[in-house]
C-alpha atoms as a PDB file:
ATOM      1  CA  MET A   1     129.291 -12.245  19.811  1.00  0.00           C
ATOM      2  CA  GLN A   2     126.014 -11.451  17.896  1.00  0.00           C
ATOM      3  CA  MET A   3     125.004  -9.132  20.749  1.00  0.00           C
ATOM      4  CA  ALA A   4     128.304  -7.214  20.737  1.00  0.00           C
ATOM      5  CA  MET A   5     127.855  -6.690  17.059  1.00  0.00           C
ATOM      6  CA  ARG A   6     124.365  -5.375  17.325  1.00  0.00           C
ATOM      7  CA  SER A   7     125.163  -2.906  20.024  1.00  0.00           C
ATOM      8  CA  LYS A   8     128.213  -1.653  17.837  1.00  0.00           C
ATOM      9  CA  VAL A   9     126.020  -1.082  14.940  1.00  0.00           C
ATOM     10  CA  TYR A  10     123.325   0.839  16.898  1.00  0.00           C
ATOM     11  CA  ASN A  11     125.512   2.510  19.388  1.00  0.00           C
ATOM     12  CA  GLY A  12     123.191   1.963  22.400  1.00  0.00           C
ATOM     13  CA  ALA A  13     120.002   2.840  20.382  1.00  0.00           C
ATOM     14  CA  GLU A  14     117.068   0.515  20.461  1.00  0.00           C
ATOM     15  CA  LEU A  15     117.174  -2.497  18.303  1.00  0.00           C
ATOM     16  CA  PRO A  16     114.608  -2.463  15.315  1.00  0.00           C
ATOM     17  CA  GLU A  17     112.823  -5.465  16.886  1.00  0.00           C
ATOM     18  CA  ASP A  18     112.428  -3.718  20.201  1.00  0.00           C
ATOM     19  CA  VAL A  19     111.181  -0.547  18.378  1.00  0.00           C
ATOM     20  CA  LEU A  20     108.687  -2.609  16.518  1.00  0.00           C
ATOM     21  CA  LYS A  21     107.426  -4.370  19.668  1.00  0.00           C
ATOM     22  CA  LYS A  22     107.135  -0.903  21.425  1.00  0.00           C
ATOM     23  CA  ARG A  23     105.338   0.530  18.502  1.00  0.00           C
ATOM     24  CA  PHE A  24     103.075  -2.615  18.143  1.00  0.00           C
ATOM     25  CA  HIS A  25     102.115  -2.312  21.948  1.00  0.00           C
ATOM     26  CA  GLN A  26     101.368   1.506  21.402  1.00  0.00           C
ATOM     27  CA  LEU A  27      99.038   0.681  18.556  1.00  0.00           C
ATOM     28  CA  ARG A  28      97.293  -2.075  20.369  1.00  0.00           C
ATOM     29  CA  ARG A  29      96.559   0.227  23.309  1.00  0.00           C
ATOM     30  CA  LYS A  30      95.290   2.940  20.918  1.00  0.00           C
ATOM     31  CA  LYS A  31      93.099   0.366  19.361  1.00  0.00           C
ATOM     32  CA  GLU A  32      91.715  -0.606  22.772  1.00  0.00           C
ATOM     33  CA  TRP A  33      90.843   3.009  23.501  1.00  0.00           C
ATOM     34  CA  TYR A  34      89.081   3.326  20.140  1.00  0.00           C
ATOM     35  CA  ARG A  35      87.120   0.169  21.020  1.00  0.00           C
ATOM     36  CA  LEU A  36      86.230   1.400  24.302  1.00  0.00           C
ATOM     37  CA  ILE A  37      85.153   4.839  23.059  1.00  0.00           C
ATOM     38  CA  ARG A  38      83.032   3.135  20.293  1.00  0.00           C
ATOM     39  CA  SER A  39      81.483   0.877  23.035  1.00  0.00           C
ATOM     40  CA  LEU A  40      80.671   3.924  25.207  1.00  0.00           C
ATOM     41  CA  VAL A  41      79.073   5.819  22.312  1.00  0.00           C
ATOM     42  CA  ALA A  42      76.992   2.803  21.305  1.00  0.00           C
ATOM     43  CA  THR A  43      75.898   2.305  24.967  1.00  0.00           C
ATOM     44  CA  ALA A  44      75.036   6.038  25.258  1.00  0.00           C
ATOM     45  CA  LEU A  45      73.026   6.026  21.981  1.00  0.00           C
ATOM     46  CA  THR A  46      71.116   2.862  23.159  1.00  0.00           C
ATOM     47  CA  VAL A  47      70.267   4.447  26.390  1.00  0.00           C
ATOM     48  CA  PHE A  48      69.109   7.665  24.725  1.00  0.00           C
ATOM     49  CA  PHE A  49      66.928   5.838  22.368  1.00  0.00           C
ATOM     50  CA  LEU A  50      65.664   3.361  24.911  1.00  0.00           C
ATOM     51  CA  PHE A  51      64.775   6.000  27.593  1.00  0.00           C
ATOM     52  CA  GLY A  52      64.414   9.092  25.508  1.00  0.00           C
ATOM     53  CA  VAL A  53      62.405   7.835  22.561  1.00  0.00           C
ATOM     54  CA  PHE A  54      60.830   4.509  23.335  1.00  0.00           C
ATOM     55  CA  CYS A  55      60.487   4.393  27.270  1.00  0.00           C
ATOM     56  CA  GLY A  56      60.392   6.659  30.109  1.00  0.00           C
ATOM     57  CA  VAL A  57      60.999   6.388  33.814  1.00  0.00           C
ATOM     58  CA  GLY A  58      58.828   8.019  36.455  1.00  0.00           C
ATOM     59  CA  ILE A  59      58.455   8.082  40.238  1.00  0.00           C
ATOM     60  CA  ILE A  60      55.197   7.657  41.949  1.00  0.00           C
ATOM     61  CA  ARG A  61      54.425  10.613  44.211  1.00  0.00           C
ATOM     62  CA  GLY A  62      51.565  10.340  46.810  1.00  0.00           C
ATOM     63  CA  GLN A  63      49.052   7.764  47.878  1.00  0.00           C
ATOM     64  CA  SER A  64      46.486   8.071  44.928  1.00  0.00           C
ATOM     65  CA  MET A  65      47.307   4.786  43.344  1.00  0.00           C
ATOM     66  CA  ILE A  66      47.506   2.425  46.483  1.00  0.00           C
ATOM     67  CA  PRO A  67      47.476  -0.523  46.501  1.00  0.00           C
ATOM     68  CA  SER A  68      48.748  -1.014  43.063  1.00  0.00           C
ATOM     69  CA  PHE A  69      51.460   1.436  43.214  1.00  0.00           C
ATOM     70  CA  GLN A  70      53.160   2.665  46.371  1.00  0.00           C
ATOM     71  CA  ASP A  71      54.728   6.164  46.998  1.00  0.00           C
ATOM     72  CA  GLY A  72      58.363   6.175  45.640  1.00  0.00           C
ATOM     73  CA  ASP A  73      57.844   3.272  43.300  1.00  0.00           C
ATOM     74  CA  LEU A  74      59.737   3.606  39.996  1.00  0.00           C
ATOM     75  CA  VAL A  75      57.562   2.904  36.819  1.00  0.00           C
ATOM     76  CA  LEU A  76      58.625   2.312  33.220  1.00  0.00           C
ATOM     77  CA  PHE A  77      56.227   3.542  30.741  1.00  0.00           C
ATOM     78  CA  TRP A  78      56.046   2.978  26.872  1.00  0.00           C
ATOM     79  CA  ARG A  79      56.000   6.300  25.038  1.00  0.00           C
ATOM     80  CA  LEU A  80      55.045   4.870  21.550  1.00  0.00           C
ATOM     81  CA  SER A  81      51.679   3.523  22.631  1.00  0.00           C
ATOM     82  CA  LYS A  82      48.955   5.574  21.187  1.00  0.00           C
ATOM     83  CA  ASP A  83      46.030   3.172  21.643  1.00  0.00           C
ATOM     84  CA  TYR A  84      44.660   3.362  25.207  1.00  0.00           C
ATOM     85  CA  ALA A  85      41.867   1.186  26.683  1.00  0.00           C
ATOM     86  CA  ARG A  86      39.893   0.859  29.980  1.00  0.00           C
ATOM     87  CA  ASN A  87      42.106  -0.147  32.801  1.00  0.00           C
ATOM     88  CA  ASP A  88      45.411   0.893  31.247  1.00  0.00           C
ATOM     89  CA  VAL A  89      47.610   2.881  33.656  1.00  0.00           C
ATOM     90  CA  ILE A  90      48.974   5.873  32.122  1.00  0.00           C
ATOM     91  CA  PHE A  91      51.689   8.375  32.977  1.00  0.00           C
ATOM     92  CA  PHE A  92      50.716  11.979  31.981  1.00  0.00           C
ATOM     93  CA  GLU A  93      51.269  15.682  32.713  1.00  0.00           C
ATOM     94  CA  ARG A  94      48.929  18.236  34.119  1.00  0.00           C
ATOM     95  CA  GLU A  95      50.327  21.592  32.869  1.00  0.00           C
ATOM     96  CA  THR A  96      48.306  23.499  35.373  1.00  0.00           C
ATOM     97  CA  TRP A  97      50.175  21.744  38.254  1.00  0.00           C
ATOM     98  CA  GLN A  98      53.471  21.283  36.360  1.00  0.00           C
ATOM     99  CA  CYS A  99      53.831  17.697  37.452  1.00  0.00           C
ATOM    100  CA  GLU A 100      53.402  14.222  36.205  1.00  0.00           C
ATOM    101  CA  LEU A 101      50.644  11.953  37.457  1.00  0.00           C
ATOM    102  CA  ILE A 102      49.794   8.243  37.100  1.00  0.00           C
ATOM    103  CA  LYS A 103      46.165   7.097  37.082  1.00  0.00           C
ATOM    104  CA  ARG A 104      43.980   4.319  35.573  1.00  0.00           C
ATOM    105  CA  ILE A 105      41.695   4.981  32.560  1.00  0.00           C
ATOM    106  CA  VAL A 106      38.109   4.135  33.303  1.00  0.00           C
ATOM    107  CA  ALA A 107      36.466   5.874  30.314  1.00  0.00           C
ATOM    108  CA  VAL A 108      37.559   6.303  26.712  1.00  0.00           C
ATOM    109  CA  PRO A 109      36.488   8.573  23.870  1.00  0.00           C
ATOM    110  CA  GLY A 110      32.735   8.306  23.295  1.00  0.00           C
ATOM    111  CA  ASP A 111      31.903   7.119  26.797  1.00  0.00           C
ATOM    112  CA  THR A 112      29.528   9.033  28.991  1.00  0.00           C
ATOM    113  CA  VAL A 113      30.469   9.624  32.633  1.00  0.00           C
ATOM    114  CA  ASP A 114      27.570  10.401  34.941  1.00  0.00           C
ATOM    115  CA  ALA A 115      26.467  10.374  38.566  1.00  0.00           C
ATOM    116  CA  ASP A 116      23.547   8.552  39.989  1.00  0.00           C
ATOM    117  CA  SER A 117      21.282  10.074  42.653  1.00  0.00           C
ATOM    118  CA  GLU A 118      23.398   8.852  45.368  1.00  0.00           C
ATOM    119  CA  GLY A 119      26.548  10.505  44.065  1.00  0.00           C
ATOM    120  CA  ARG A 120      28.096   7.206  42.642  1.00  0.00           C
ATOM    121  CA  LEU A 121      30.157   7.606  39.454  1.00  0.00           C
ATOM    122  CA  MET A 122      28.780   5.849  36.408  1.00  0.00           C
ATOM    123  CA  VAL A 123      30.373   5.014  33.001  1.00  0.00           C
ATOM    124  CA  ASN A 124      27.894   4.224  30.200  1.00  0.00           C
ATOM    125  CA  ALA A 125      25.136   3.727  32.916  1.00  0.00           C
ATOM    126  CA  GLU A 126      27.305   1.157  34.911  1.00  0.00           C
ATOM    127  CA  VAL A 127      28.136   2.116  38.446  1.00  0.00           C
ATOM    128  CA  LEU A 128      31.862   2.079  39.312  1.00  0.00           C
ATOM    129  CA  LYS A 129      32.597   0.106  42.552  1.00  0.00           C
ATOM    130  CA  ASP A 130      33.431   2.439  45.432  1.00  0.00           C
ATOM    131  CA  THR A 131      33.570   5.572  43.258  1.00  0.00           C
ATOM    132  CA  HIS A 132      31.661   8.758  44.220  1.00  0.00           C
ATOM    133  CA  THR A 133      31.858  12.103  42.533  1.00  0.00           C
ATOM    134  CA  LYS A 134      33.803  15.112  43.813  1.00  0.00           C
ATOM    135  CA  PRO A 135      33.246  18.768  43.204  1.00  0.00           C
ATOM    136  CA  GLY A 136      35.078  19.929  40.139  1.00  0.00           C
ATOM    137  CA  ILE A 137      33.243  19.019  37.073  1.00  0.00           C
ATOM    138  CA  GLY A 138      29.673  18.893  35.780  1.00  0.00           C
ATOM    139  CA  TYR A 139      27.797  15.562  34.925  1.00  0.00           C
ATOM    140  CA  PRO A 140      26.813  13.968  32.634  1.00  0.00           C
ATOM    141  CA  LEU A 141      30.169  14.274  30.649  1.00  0.00           C
ATOM    142  CA  THR A 142      30.459  12.555  27.114  1.00  0.00           C
ATOM    143  CA  LEU A 143      34.246  12.219  26.372  1.00  0.00           C
ATOM    144  CA  LEU A 144      35.415  13.651  23.069  1.00  0.00           C
ATOM    145  CA  GLU A 145      37.824  12.174  20.652  1.00  0.00           C
ATOM    146  CA  ASN A 146      41.215  12.046  22.314  1.00  0.00           C
ATOM    147  CA  GLU A 147      39.817  12.438  25.819  1.00  0.00           C
ATOM    148  CA  TYR A 148      40.196   9.875  28.619  1.00  0.00           C
ATOM    149  CA  PHE A 149      38.525   9.828  32.101  1.00  0.00           C
ATOM    150  CA  VAL A 150      41.140   8.675  34.698  1.00  0.00           C
ATOM    151  CA  LEU A 151      40.841   7.684  38.402  1.00  0.00           C
ATOM    152  CA  GLY A 152      43.349   6.888  41.212  1.00  0.00           C
ATOM    153  CA  ASP A 153      43.096   3.419  42.626  1.00  0.00           C
ATOM    154  CA  ASN A 154      42.855   4.886  46.100  1.00  0.00           C
ATOM    155  CA  ARG A 155      39.514   6.666  45.147  1.00  0.00           C
ATOM    156  CA  GLU A 156      39.240   8.724  48.437  1.00  0.00           C
ATOM    157  CA  ALA A 157      42.775  10.131  48.358  1.00  0.00           C
ATOM    158  CA  ALA A 158      43.131  10.652  44.660  1.00  0.00           C
ATOM    159  CA  MET A 159      43.228  13.907  42.630  1.00  0.00           C
ATOM    160  CA  ASP A 160      41.758  12.598  39.240  1.00  0.00           C
ATOM    161  CA  SER A 161      39.455  13.349  36.586  1.00  0.00           C
ATOM    162  CA  ARG A 162      36.655  13.848  39.132  1.00  0.00           C
ATOM    163  CA  ASN A 163      38.512  17.042  40.133  1.00  0.00           C
ATOM    164  CA  PHE A 164      40.212  18.271  36.879  1.00  0.00           C
ATOM    165  CA  GLY A 165      38.134  16.771  34.099  1.00  0.00           C
ATOM    166  CA  PRO A 166      39.251  14.503  31.347  1.00  0.00           C
ATOM    167  CA  VAL A 167      42.954  14.031  30.117  1.00  0.00           C
ATOM    168  CA  ASP A 168      43.811  14.907  26.571  1.00  0.00           C
ATOM    169  CA  LYS A 169      45.668  12.351  24.590  1.00  0.00           C
ATOM    170  CA  ARG A 170      48.329  14.844  23.876  1.00  0.00           C
ATOM    171  CA  ASP A 171      49.241  15.172  27.636  1.00  0.00           C
ATOM    172  CA  ILE A 172      49.760  11.414  27.935  1.00  0.00           C
ATOM    173  CA  ASP A 173      53.416  10.513  28.082  1.00  0.00           C
ATOM    174  CA  GLY A 174      52.807   6.750  27.895  1.00  0.00           C
ATOM    175  CA  LYS A 175      51.355   3.529  29.152  1.00  0.00           C
ATOM    176  CA  VAL A 176      52.886   1.937  32.271  1.00  0.00           C
ATOM    177  CA  ILE A 177      54.453  -1.428  31.508  1.00  0.00           C
ATOM    178  CA  LEU A 178      56.575  -2.134  34.670  1.00  0.00           C
ATOM    179  CA  VAL A 179      56.743  -1.113  38.207  1.00  0.00           C
ATOM    180  CA  LEU A 180      59.846  -1.403  40.354  1.00  0.00           C
ATOM    181  CA  ARG A 181      59.118  -1.440  44.237  1.00  0.00           C
ATOM    182  CA  THR A 182      61.475   0.780  46.204  1.00  0.00           C
ATOM    183  CA  GLN A 183      60.096  -0.140  49.606  1.00  0.00           C
ATOM    184  CA  VAL A 184      59.029  -3.534  50.796  1.00  0.00           C
ATOM    185  CA  ASN A 185      56.095  -3.432  53.122  1.00  0.00           C
END
């Protein structure tokens, strides 16, 4: 009897309770969309700041850093690092080649790089193991402020500071902090 009365009052139109339930469901779906959009924006901003400001990702090209790094490895480098020391591995750009390189720092500002009579490379009069000079720069070379002398770990195959001279600090994109192997030997 109550149902008959309701249908008479509303002449086949939806009951207020049904309208409210439907409207509440629509609002909940809208709220879920807003929540999803907020999450996506927050994720996009986090990724932007993480990889655009703080870190960078690079791909190793070539054999110059074997055995430490293999061709095709992915590296994560820290962009905010401004203090570099010997043995740091850095990711940097060579404008003349329009490519990014990865090398190990062997001499820092103020160091003197020289060659002995047998052509072995020396830093501050200490001979570097298994490292010989290559044609490209003159020795002795005293590094100025903000200059770094870099070498590839695979000394024979590497194009490095022995070929193109010191790397300016402004060209350094960051210090390598993580390597991800893309191939298993």
